[in-house]
Amino acid sequence: MTDPGPPPPPPEPSRPRVPPWGSPSWAGGADNPRTYPQRAHALVDADVRAAARQRDELMVEMGRTGQADALVVADLVAVPIARSTACTATVWAQGRITVLPVADVVELFALPTSVEGTPTSLRVRWDVVERVCRACWQPVPGLVPPRMITRRWPDASELEVLAGLRLPDQPPAGG
């Protein structure tokens, strides 16, 4: 009879994977939905550059295939938080199918409900929008950095939850 040898080593414990665009940190901890995520400027700047290159490529492809007016390909911008930190933000406008870059913050821009009305907007952390409005969008396959395509605007109950978890209009001075 042959010796089967030593048993295989136990599997390594699973560790949360840090996404390639950087791990956010923010005051109040990761579970505080009413604080701006804070990441190093270098990580945020790299994300913004990558998203801009990707947006340009998508716009060229959409123009080539005659879809330039079919979708809005949203920008990703840097929002300074403190001297050494920032976050990324994007805008999702009501009424248009939008290809959103994954961001730290989403600004939802709602159209007025009457001719006399004014547009409204609210800033919400991406992770909050993702949990509340999961059925509103889906990933665009094969894109790196990742993007989501919107399928519908949040309904009244979803907007109410988002409004309750909105971020301040501006990040706090000094972080």
N, C-alpha and C. Protein backbone atom coordinates (compact mmCIF):
# COMPACT_ATOMS: atom_id res chain seq x y z
N MET A 1 0.84 -1.17 0.00
CA MET A 1 0.00 0.00 0.00
C MET A 1 0.89 1.24 0.00
N THR A 2 0.53 2.26 -0.78
CA THR A 2 1.35 3.47 -0.86
C THR A 2 0.87 4.50 0.14
N ASP A 3 1.80 5.31 0.59
CA ASP A 3 1.50 6.38 1.54
C ASP A 3 0.86 7.55 0.78
N PRO A 4 -0.34 7.99 1.18
CA PRO A 4 -0.99 9.09 0.46
C PRO A 4 -0.31 10.43 0.69
N GLY A 5 0.62 10.53 1.58
CA GLY A 5 1.30 11.80 1.86
C GLY A 5 0.51 12.65 2.82
N PRO A 6 1.04 13.84 3.10
CA PRO A 6 0.35 14.72 4.06
C PRO A 6 -0.94 15.27 3.45
N PRO A 7 -1.88 15.61 4.31
CA PRO A 7 -3.13 16.20 3.79
C PRO A 7 -2.83 17.58 3.18
N PRO A 8 -3.67 18.03 2.25
CA PRO A 8 -3.45 19.35 1.66
C PRO A 8 -3.62 20.44 2.71
N PRO A 9 -2.96 21.59 2.52
CA PRO A 9 -3.11 22.67 3.50
C PRO A 9 -4.54 23.21 3.47
N PRO A 10 -5.00 23.74 4.62
CA PRO A 10 -6.36 24.30 4.62
C PRO A 10 -6.40 25.53 3.71
N PRO A 11 -7.59 25.83 3.16
CA PRO A 11 -7.68 27.01 2.29
C PRO A 11 -7.42 28.28 3.09
N GLU A 12 -6.86 29.27 2.41
CA GLU A 12 -6.63 30.55 3.08
C GLU A 12 -7.96 31.19 3.38
N PRO A 13 -8.04 31.88 4.53
CA PRO A 13 -9.31 32.56 4.83
C PRO A 13 -9.57 33.61 3.76
N SER A 14 -10.86 33.76 3.44
CA SER A 14 -11.18 34.75 2.41
C SER A 14 -10.99 36.15 2.97
N ARG A 15 -10.48 37.01 2.14
CA ARG A 15 -10.26 38.41 2.52
C ARG A 15 -11.03 39.28 1.54
N PRO A 16 -11.56 40.38 2.03
CA PRO A 16 -12.24 41.25 1.08
C PRO A 16 -11.24 41.74 0.03
N ARG A 17 -11.67 41.71 -1.21
CA ARG A 17 -10.80 42.14 -2.30
C ARG A 17 -10.89 43.65 -2.43
N VAL A 18 -9.73 44.31 -2.49
CA VAL A 18 -9.71 45.75 -2.68
C VAL A 18 -9.87 46.00 -4.16
N PRO A 19 -10.89 46.75 -4.55
CA PRO A 19 -11.09 46.99 -5.97
C PRO A 19 -9.90 47.75 -6.56
N PRO A 20 -9.65 47.58 -7.87
CA PRO A 20 -8.49 48.23 -8.47
C PRO A 20 -8.56 49.75 -8.40
N TRP A 21 -9.74 50.31 -8.21
CA TRP A 21 -9.85 51.76 -8.17
C TRP A 21 -9.65 52.31 -6.76
N GLY A 22 -9.30 51.47 -5.79
CA GLY A 22 -8.92 51.94 -4.46
C GLY A 22 -9.99 51.68 -3.43
N SER A 23 -9.58 51.50 -2.23
CA SER A 23 -10.51 51.23 -1.14
C SER A 23 -10.90 52.54 -0.46
N PRO A 24 -12.20 52.87 -0.44
CA PRO A 24 -12.59 54.12 0.20
C PRO A 24 -12.53 54.05 1.71
N SER A 25 -12.31 55.19 2.31
CA SER A 25 -12.42 55.31 3.76
C SER A 25 -13.10 56.64 4.05
N TRP A 26 -13.85 56.71 5.11
CA TRP A 26 -14.54 57.94 5.40
C TRP A 26 -14.80 58.06 6.90
N ALA A 27 -14.96 59.31 7.32
CA ALA A 27 -15.24 59.57 8.73
C ALA A 27 -16.56 58.92 9.10
N GLY A 28 -16.64 58.35 10.26
CA GLY A 28 -17.87 57.71 10.67
C GLY A 28 -17.92 56.25 10.28
N GLY A 29 -16.96 55.80 9.53
CA GLY A 29 -16.88 54.41 9.15
C GLY A 29 -17.61 54.12 7.85
N ALA A 30 -17.37 52.93 7.36
CA ALA A 30 -17.91 52.51 6.07
C ALA A 30 -19.43 52.40 6.08
N ASP A 31 -20.03 52.30 7.24
CA ASP A 31 -21.48 52.12 7.30
C ASP A 31 -22.25 53.43 7.47
N ASN A 32 -21.56 54.56 7.44
CA ASN A 32 -22.23 55.84 7.60
C ASN A 32 -22.59 56.39 6.22
N PRO A 33 -23.85 56.24 5.80
CA PRO A 33 -24.22 56.63 4.45
C PRO A 33 -24.32 58.14 4.23
N ARG A 34 -24.20 58.92 5.30
CA ARG A 34 -24.35 60.37 5.15
C ARG A 34 -23.03 61.12 5.18
N THR A 35 -21.94 60.41 4.92
CA THR A 35 -20.63 61.05 4.84
C THR A 35 -20.01 60.77 3.48
N TYR A 36 -19.23 61.72 3.01
CA TYR A 36 -18.55 61.57 1.73
C TYR A 36 -17.42 60.56 1.85
N PRO A 37 -17.33 59.61 0.91
CA PRO A 37 -16.17 58.72 0.89
C PRO A 37 -14.90 59.54 0.66
N GLN A 38 -13.81 59.13 1.26
CA GLN A 38 -12.55 59.86 1.10
C GLN A 38 -11.46 58.90 0.65
N ARG A 39 -10.83 59.23 -0.48
CA ARG A 39 -9.72 58.43 -0.99
C ARG A 39 -8.58 59.38 -1.35
N ALA A 40 -7.42 58.82 -1.50
CA ALA A 40 -6.24 59.62 -1.85
C ALA A 40 -6.45 60.29 -3.21
N HIS A 41 -5.98 61.53 -3.34
CA HIS A 41 -6.12 62.26 -4.61
C HIS A 41 -5.56 61.47 -5.78
N ALA A 42 -4.43 60.80 -5.59
CA ALA A 42 -3.81 60.06 -6.70
C ALA A 42 -4.74 58.97 -7.23
N LEU A 43 -5.43 58.26 -6.34
CA LEU A 43 -6.37 57.23 -6.77
C LEU A 43 -7.56 57.83 -7.50
N VAL A 44 -8.09 58.91 -6.95
CA VAL A 44 -9.24 59.57 -7.57
C VAL A 44 -8.84 60.11 -8.95
N ASP A 45 -7.69 60.77 -9.04
CA ASP A 45 -7.24 61.31 -10.33
C ASP A 45 -7.05 60.22 -11.36
N ALA A 46 -6.50 59.07 -10.95
CA ALA A 46 -6.32 57.95 -11.87
C ALA A 46 -7.67 57.43 -12.35
N ASP A 47 -8.65 57.35 -11.47
CA ASP A 47 -9.99 56.91 -11.86
C ASP A 47 -10.62 57.87 -12.86
N VAL A 48 -10.47 59.16 -12.60
CA VAL A 48 -11.06 60.18 -13.49
C VAL A 48 -10.41 60.09 -14.88
N ARG A 49 -9.10 59.95 -14.94
CA ARG A 49 -8.42 59.83 -16.24
C ARG A 49 -8.86 58.58 -16.99
N ALA A 50 -8.94 57.45 -16.29
CA ALA A 50 -9.36 56.20 -16.93
C ALA A 50 -10.79 56.31 -17.44
N ALA A 51 -11.67 56.90 -16.65
CA ALA A 51 -13.07 57.06 -17.07
C ALA A 51 -13.18 58.01 -18.26
N ALA A 52 -12.35 59.05 -18.30
CA ALA A 52 -12.39 60.00 -19.43
C ALA A 52 -11.93 59.32 -20.72
N ARG A 53 -10.86 58.52 -20.64
CA ARG A 53 -10.41 57.77 -21.82
C ARG A 53 -11.51 56.82 -22.30
N GLN A 54 -12.10 56.12 -21.36
CA GLN A 54 -13.15 55.17 -21.71
C GLN A 54 -14.36 55.90 -22.31
N ARG A 55 -14.74 57.04 -21.73
CA ARG A 55 -15.87 57.80 -22.25
C ARG A 55 -15.59 58.24 -23.68
N ASP A 56 -14.38 58.72 -23.95
CA ASP A 56 -14.03 59.13 -25.31
C ASP A 56 -14.16 57.96 -26.28
N GLU A 57 -13.67 56.79 -25.87
CA GLU A 57 -13.76 55.60 -26.72
C GLU A 57 -15.22 55.21 -26.97
N LEU A 58 -16.04 55.26 -25.92
CA LEU A 58 -17.46 54.93 -26.08
C LEU A 58 -18.16 55.92 -26.99
N MET A 59 -17.83 57.19 -26.86
CA MET A 59 -18.46 58.22 -27.72
C MET A 59 -18.08 58.00 -29.19
N VAL A 60 -16.84 57.66 -29.45
CA VAL A 60 -16.40 57.39 -30.83
C VAL A 60 -17.18 56.19 -31.37
N GLU A 61 -17.26 55.13 -30.59
CA GLU A 61 -17.97 53.91 -31.03
C GLU A 61 -19.45 54.20 -31.25
N MET A 62 -20.06 54.97 -30.38
CA MET A 62 -21.48 55.31 -30.54
C MET A 62 -21.69 56.16 -31.79
N GLY A 63 -20.76 57.09 -32.07
CA GLY A 63 -20.85 57.89 -33.29
C GLY A 63 -20.70 57.03 -34.54
N ARG A 64 -19.78 56.09 -34.48
CA ARG A 64 -19.53 55.19 -35.61
C ARG A 64 -20.76 54.32 -35.92
N THR A 65 -21.48 53.90 -34.88
CA THR A 65 -22.63 53.02 -35.06
C THR A 65 -23.96 53.76 -35.11
N GLY A 66 -23.92 55.09 -35.14
CA GLY A 66 -25.15 55.88 -35.24
C GLY A 66 -25.96 55.95 -33.96
N GLN A 67 -25.33 55.73 -32.82
CA GLN A 67 -26.04 55.74 -31.54
C GLN A 67 -25.67 56.95 -30.68
N ALA A 68 -25.06 57.95 -31.27
CA ALA A 68 -24.54 59.08 -30.47
C ALA A 68 -25.63 59.76 -29.65
N ASP A 69 -26.88 59.78 -30.14
CA ASP A 69 -27.94 60.45 -29.39
C ASP A 69 -28.79 59.49 -28.57
N ALA A 70 -28.48 58.20 -28.62
CA ALA A 70 -29.31 57.21 -27.93
C ALA A 70 -29.05 57.16 -26.44
N LEU A 71 -27.82 57.38 -26.04
CA LEU A 71 -27.42 57.25 -24.64
C LEU A 71 -26.64 58.46 -24.18
N VAL A 72 -26.65 58.69 -22.88
CA VAL A 72 -25.75 59.67 -22.28
C VAL A 72 -24.63 58.87 -21.62
N VAL A 73 -23.39 59.17 -21.99
CA VAL A 73 -22.24 58.55 -21.34
C VAL A 73 -21.73 59.57 -20.33
N ALA A 74 -22.00 59.30 -19.06
CA ALA A 74 -21.73 60.26 -18.00
C ALA A 74 -20.23 60.40 -17.72
N ASP A 75 -19.86 61.60 -17.32
CA ASP A 75 -18.49 61.90 -16.90
C ASP A 75 -18.27 61.43 -15.48
N LEU A 76 -17.00 61.28 -15.13
CA LEU A 76 -16.58 61.05 -13.75
C LEU A 76 -15.71 62.24 -13.37
N VAL A 77 -16.02 62.87 -12.24
CA VAL A 77 -15.25 64.04 -11.82
C VAL A 77 -14.71 63.83 -10.41
N ALA A 78 -13.67 64.56 -10.09
CA ALA A 78 -13.08 64.53 -8.76
C ALA A 78 -13.74 65.60 -7.90
N VAL A 79 -14.05 65.26 -6.67
CA VAL A 79 -14.61 66.19 -5.69
C VAL A 79 -13.63 66.26 -4.53
N PRO A 80 -12.93 67.41 -4.35
CA PRO A 80 -12.00 67.52 -3.22
C PRO A 80 -12.75 67.44 -1.89
N ILE A 81 -12.19 66.69 -0.96
CA ILE A 81 -12.80 66.58 0.37
C ILE A 81 -11.93 67.32 1.38
N ALA A 82 -10.68 66.99 1.39
CA ALA A 82 -9.72 67.60 2.31
C ALA A 82 -8.41 67.76 1.56
N ARG A 83 -7.43 68.28 2.24
CA ARG A 83 -6.13 68.53 1.59
C ARG A 83 -5.57 67.29 0.92
N SER A 84 -5.73 66.14 1.54
CA SER A 84 -5.12 64.92 0.99
C SER A 84 -6.14 63.91 0.48
N THR A 85 -7.43 64.24 0.50
CA THR A 85 -8.44 63.28 0.06
C THR A 85 -9.45 63.90 -0.90
N ALA A 86 -10.09 63.02 -1.64
CA ALA A 86 -11.13 63.42 -2.59
C ALA A 86 -12.03 62.21 -2.80
N CYS A 87 -13.07 62.40 -3.61
CA CYS A 87 -13.91 61.29 -4.03
C CYS A 87 -14.32 61.52 -5.48
N THR A 88 -14.89 60.51 -6.10
CA THR A 88 -15.38 60.66 -7.47
C THR A 88 -16.88 60.85 -7.44
N ALA A 89 -17.39 61.53 -8.47
CA ALA A 89 -18.83 61.75 -8.56
C ALA A 89 -19.25 61.70 -10.02
N THR A 90 -20.50 61.34 -10.23
CA THR A 90 -21.10 61.33 -11.56
C THR A 90 -22.53 61.83 -11.43
N VAL A 91 -23.14 62.19 -12.57
CA VAL A 91 -24.50 62.72 -12.58
C VAL A 91 -25.40 61.78 -13.37
N TRP A 92 -26.53 61.44 -12.77
CA TRP A 92 -27.57 60.64 -13.41
C TRP A 92 -28.77 61.55 -13.59
N ALA A 93 -29.08 61.90 -14.84
CA ALA A 93 -30.18 62.81 -15.14
C ALA A 93 -31.44 62.03 -15.49
N GLN A 94 -32.54 62.45 -14.94
CA GLN A 94 -33.83 61.83 -15.19
C GLN A 94 -34.19 61.98 -16.67
N GLY A 95 -34.79 60.94 -17.24
CA GLY A 95 -35.33 61.04 -18.59
C GLY A 95 -34.43 60.54 -19.70
N ARG A 96 -33.19 60.16 -19.40
CA ARG A 96 -32.27 59.66 -20.43
C ARG A 96 -31.65 58.36 -19.95
N ILE A 97 -31.49 57.42 -20.87
CA ILE A 97 -30.72 56.22 -20.54
C ILE A 97 -29.28 56.68 -20.43
N THR A 98 -28.66 56.36 -19.31
CA THR A 98 -27.32 56.86 -19.01
C THR A 98 -26.37 55.71 -18.71
N VAL A 99 -25.16 55.83 -19.22
CA VAL A 99 -24.10 54.88 -18.91
C VAL A 99 -23.23 55.55 -17.85
N LEU A 100 -23.40 55.09 -16.61
CA LEU A 100 -22.74 55.71 -15.46
C LEU A 100 -21.42 55.02 -15.13
N PRO A 101 -20.35 55.80 -14.92
CA PRO A 101 -19.14 55.19 -14.39
C PRO A 101 -19.37 54.90 -12.91
N VAL A 102 -18.79 53.81 -12.42
CA VAL A 102 -18.88 53.54 -10.98
C VAL A 102 -18.14 54.67 -10.27
N ALA A 103 -18.80 55.29 -9.31
CA ALA A 103 -18.27 56.46 -8.62
C ALA A 103 -18.48 56.31 -7.12
N ASP A 104 -17.89 57.20 -6.37
CA ASP A 104 -18.13 57.23 -4.93
C ASP A 104 -19.48 57.86 -4.62
N VAL A 105 -19.87 58.85 -5.44
CA VAL A 105 -21.09 59.63 -5.21
C VAL A 105 -21.86 59.76 -6.54
N VAL A 106 -23.18 59.66 -6.45
CA VAL A 106 -24.06 59.88 -7.60
C VAL A 106 -24.91 61.10 -7.29
N GLU A 107 -24.94 62.04 -8.24
CA GLU A 107 -25.87 63.16 -8.12
C GLU A 107 -27.05 62.87 -9.02
N LEU A 108 -28.22 62.70 -8.41
CA LEU A 108 -29.44 62.45 -9.16
C LEU A 108 -30.08 63.78 -9.50
N PHE A 109 -30.25 64.05 -10.79
CA PHE A 109 -30.78 65.32 -11.26
C PHE A 109 -32.18 65.07 -11.78
N ALA A 110 -33.19 65.55 -11.05
CA ALA A 110 -34.60 65.31 -11.38
C ALA A 110 -35.20 66.50 -12.09
N LEU A 111 -35.98 66.21 -13.13
CA LEU A 111 -36.66 67.25 -13.88
C LEU A 111 -37.84 67.80 -13.08
N PRO A 112 -38.23 69.06 -13.34
CA PRO A 112 -39.39 69.61 -12.63
C PRO A 112 -40.66 68.87 -13.02
N THR A 113 -41.61 68.85 -12.11
CA THR A 113 -42.88 68.15 -12.38
C THR A 113 -43.90 69.06 -13.06
N SER A 114 -43.58 70.36 -13.19
CA SER A 114 -44.47 71.30 -13.89
C SER A 114 -43.62 72.31 -14.64
N VAL A 115 -44.27 73.04 -15.51
CA VAL A 115 -43.56 74.05 -16.31
C VAL A 115 -42.95 75.11 -15.41
N GLU A 116 -43.63 75.47 -14.33
CA GLU A 116 -43.14 76.49 -13.41
C GLU A 116 -42.09 75.95 -12.43
N GLY A 117 -41.97 74.64 -12.37
CA GLY A 117 -41.08 74.03 -11.39
C GLY A 117 -39.61 74.20 -11.74
N THR A 118 -38.78 73.88 -10.79
CA THR A 118 -37.33 73.93 -11.01
C THR A 118 -36.76 72.52 -10.82
N PRO A 119 -35.68 72.23 -11.54
CA PRO A 119 -35.06 70.92 -11.35
C PRO A 119 -34.51 70.79 -9.93
N THR A 120 -34.41 69.58 -9.47
CA THR A 120 -33.84 69.32 -8.15
C THR A 120 -32.72 68.28 -8.29
N SER A 121 -31.85 68.28 -7.32
CA SER A 121 -30.81 67.25 -7.33
C SER A 121 -30.49 66.85 -5.91
N LEU A 122 -29.98 65.64 -5.79
CA LEU A 122 -29.50 65.19 -4.50
C LEU A 122 -28.30 64.30 -4.71
N ARG A 123 -27.34 64.43 -3.81
CA ARG A 123 -26.12 63.62 -3.85
C ARG A 123 -26.26 62.48 -2.85
N VAL A 124 -25.94 61.29 -3.35
CA VAL A 124 -26.04 60.09 -2.52
C VAL A 124 -24.83 59.22 -2.82
N ARG A 125 -24.33 58.55 -1.81
CA ARG A 125 -23.21 57.64 -2.05
C ARG A 125 -23.62 56.51 -2.99
N TRP A 126 -22.67 56.09 -3.81
CA TRP A 126 -22.92 55.03 -4.79
C TRP A 126 -23.45 53.77 -4.12
N ASP A 127 -22.83 53.36 -3.01
CA ASP A 127 -23.25 52.11 -2.37
C ASP A 127 -24.69 52.19 -1.87
N VAL A 128 -25.15 53.38 -1.51
CA VAL A 128 -26.53 53.55 -1.08
C VAL A 128 -27.46 53.42 -2.29
N VAL A 129 -27.14 54.12 -3.38
CA VAL A 129 -27.97 54.03 -4.59
C VAL A 129 -28.03 52.59 -5.07
N GLU A 130 -26.90 51.91 -5.02
CA GLU A 130 -26.84 50.53 -5.49
C GLU A 130 -27.77 49.62 -4.67
N ARG A 131 -27.81 49.82 -3.36
CA ARG A 131 -28.69 48.99 -2.52
C ARG A 131 -30.16 49.34 -2.72
N VAL A 132 -30.47 50.62 -2.80
CA VAL A 132 -31.86 51.06 -2.87
C VAL A 132 -32.45 50.86 -4.27
N CYS A 133 -31.64 51.09 -5.29
CA CYS A 133 -32.13 51.10 -6.67
C CYS A 133 -31.52 50.00 -7.53
N ARG A 134 -31.29 48.86 -6.96
CA ARG A 134 -30.64 47.77 -7.68
C ARG A 134 -31.33 47.46 -9.01
N ALA A 135 -32.65 47.56 -9.06
CA ALA A 135 -33.39 47.25 -10.29
C ALA A 135 -33.36 48.39 -11.31
N CYS A 136 -32.77 49.52 -10.95
CA CYS A 136 -32.75 50.68 -11.85
C CYS A 136 -31.64 50.60 -12.89
N TRP A 137 -30.65 49.74 -12.69
CA TRP A 137 -29.51 49.70 -13.61
C TRP A 137 -28.94 48.30 -13.67
N GLN A 138 -28.03 48.10 -14.61
CA GLN A 138 -27.31 46.83 -14.70
C GLN A 138 -25.92 47.09 -15.24
N PRO A 139 -24.97 46.19 -14.93
CA PRO A 139 -23.60 46.39 -15.41
C PRO A 139 -23.52 46.28 -16.93
N VAL A 140 -22.64 47.08 -17.51
CA VAL A 140 -22.33 46.94 -18.93
C VAL A 140 -21.21 45.91 -19.01
N PRO A 141 -21.46 44.77 -19.65
CA PRO A 141 -20.45 43.72 -19.66
C PRO A 141 -19.18 44.14 -20.39
N GLY A 142 -18.05 43.70 -19.85
CA GLY A 142 -16.77 43.88 -20.53
C GLY A 142 -16.09 45.21 -20.37
N LEU A 143 -16.67 46.14 -19.61
CA LEU A 143 -16.02 47.45 -19.48
C LEU A 143 -15.15 47.51 -18.23
N VAL A 144 -13.94 47.99 -18.42
CA VAL A 144 -13.00 48.23 -17.32
C VAL A 144 -12.42 49.61 -17.57
N PRO A 145 -12.65 50.58 -16.67
CA PRO A 145 -13.37 50.47 -15.41
C PRO A 145 -14.86 50.20 -15.63
N PRO A 146 -15.52 49.64 -14.62
CA PRO A 146 -16.93 49.25 -14.78
C PRO A 146 -17.86 50.45 -14.95
N ARG A 147 -18.92 50.20 -15.68
CA ARG A 147 -20.01 51.17 -15.85
C ARG A 147 -21.33 50.44 -15.75
N MET A 148 -22.36 51.20 -15.39
CA MET A 148 -23.72 50.69 -15.29
C MET A 148 -24.59 51.43 -16.31
N ILE A 149 -25.55 50.73 -16.89
CA ILE A 149 -26.51 51.39 -17.78
C ILE A 149 -27.83 51.47 -17.03
N THR A 150 -28.42 52.65 -17.03
CA THR A 150 -29.68 52.84 -16.30
C THR A 150 -30.81 52.24 -17.12
N ARG A 151 -31.77 51.67 -16.44
CA ARG A 151 -32.94 51.06 -17.07
C ARG A 151 -34.22 51.83 -16.74
N ARG A 152 -34.23 52.43 -15.58
CA ARG A 152 -35.40 53.24 -15.18
C ARG A 152 -34.96 54.20 -14.09
N TRP A 153 -35.70 55.28 -13.95
CA TRP A 153 -35.48 56.25 -12.89
C TRP A 153 -36.05 55.69 -11.59
N PRO A 154 -35.44 55.99 -10.45
CA PRO A 154 -35.99 55.50 -9.17
C PRO A 154 -37.44 55.93 -8.99
N ASP A 155 -38.26 55.03 -8.44
CA ASP A 155 -39.66 55.38 -8.20
C ASP A 155 -39.76 56.24 -6.94
N ALA A 156 -40.98 56.67 -6.63
CA ALA A 156 -41.19 57.61 -5.51
C ALA A 156 -40.68 57.06 -4.18
N SER A 157 -40.93 55.78 -3.91
CA SER A 157 -40.48 55.23 -2.63
C SER A 157 -38.95 55.13 -2.58
N GLU A 158 -38.32 54.79 -3.69
CA GLU A 158 -36.86 54.74 -3.73
C GLU A 158 -36.27 56.14 -3.56
N LEU A 159 -36.87 57.13 -4.22
CA LEU A 159 -36.39 58.51 -4.09
C LEU A 159 -36.53 59.01 -2.66
N GLU A 160 -37.59 58.59 -2.00
CA GLU A 160 -37.79 58.99 -0.60
C GLU A 160 -36.67 58.43 0.29
N VAL A 161 -36.31 57.18 0.09
CA VAL A 161 -35.22 56.58 0.87
C VAL A 161 -33.91 57.30 0.55
N LEU A 162 -33.64 57.54 -0.74
CA LEU A 162 -32.41 58.23 -1.14
C LEU A 162 -32.35 59.63 -0.53
N ALA A 163 -33.48 60.35 -0.55
CA ALA A 163 -33.51 61.70 0.03
C ALA A 163 -33.20 61.66 1.53
N GLY A 164 -33.66 60.61 2.20
CA GLY A 164 -33.38 60.47 3.63
C GLY A 164 -31.92 60.17 3.93
N LEU A 165 -31.21 59.66 2.92
CA LEU A 165 -29.79 59.31 3.10
C LEU A 165 -28.88 60.21 2.28
N ARG A 166 -29.38 61.34 1.86
CA ARG A 166 -28.60 62.24 1.01
C ARG A 166 -27.40 62.78 1.74
N LEU A 167 -26.39 63.10 0.95
CA LEU A 167 -25.18 63.74 1.46
C LEU A 167 -25.41 65.25 1.55
N PRO A 168 -24.62 65.94 2.35
CA PRO A 168 -24.67 67.40 2.31
C PRO A 168 -24.35 67.87 0.89
N ASP A 169 -24.85 69.04 0.52
CA ASP A 169 -24.60 69.56 -0.83
C ASP A 169 -23.12 69.71 -1.13
N GLN A 170 -22.35 70.03 -0.13
CA GLN A 170 -20.90 70.15 -0.29
C GLN A 170 -20.21 69.32 0.78
N PRO A 171 -19.06 68.73 0.43
CA PRO A 171 -18.31 68.00 1.47
C PRO A 171 -17.89 68.96 2.57
N PRO A 172 -17.75 68.47 3.79
CA PRO A 172 -17.34 69.35 4.89
C PRO A 172 -15.94 69.90 4.64
N ALA A 173 -15.74 71.15 5.00
CA ALA A 173 -14.42 71.77 4.83
C ALA A 173 -13.40 71.05 5.71
N GLY A 174 -12.28 70.74 5.10
CA GLY A 174 -11.20 70.09 5.85
C GLY A 174 -11.44 68.61 6.09
N GLY A 175 -12.51 68.04 5.48
CA GLY A 175 -12.74 66.60 5.59
C GLY A 175 -13.61 66.29 6.73
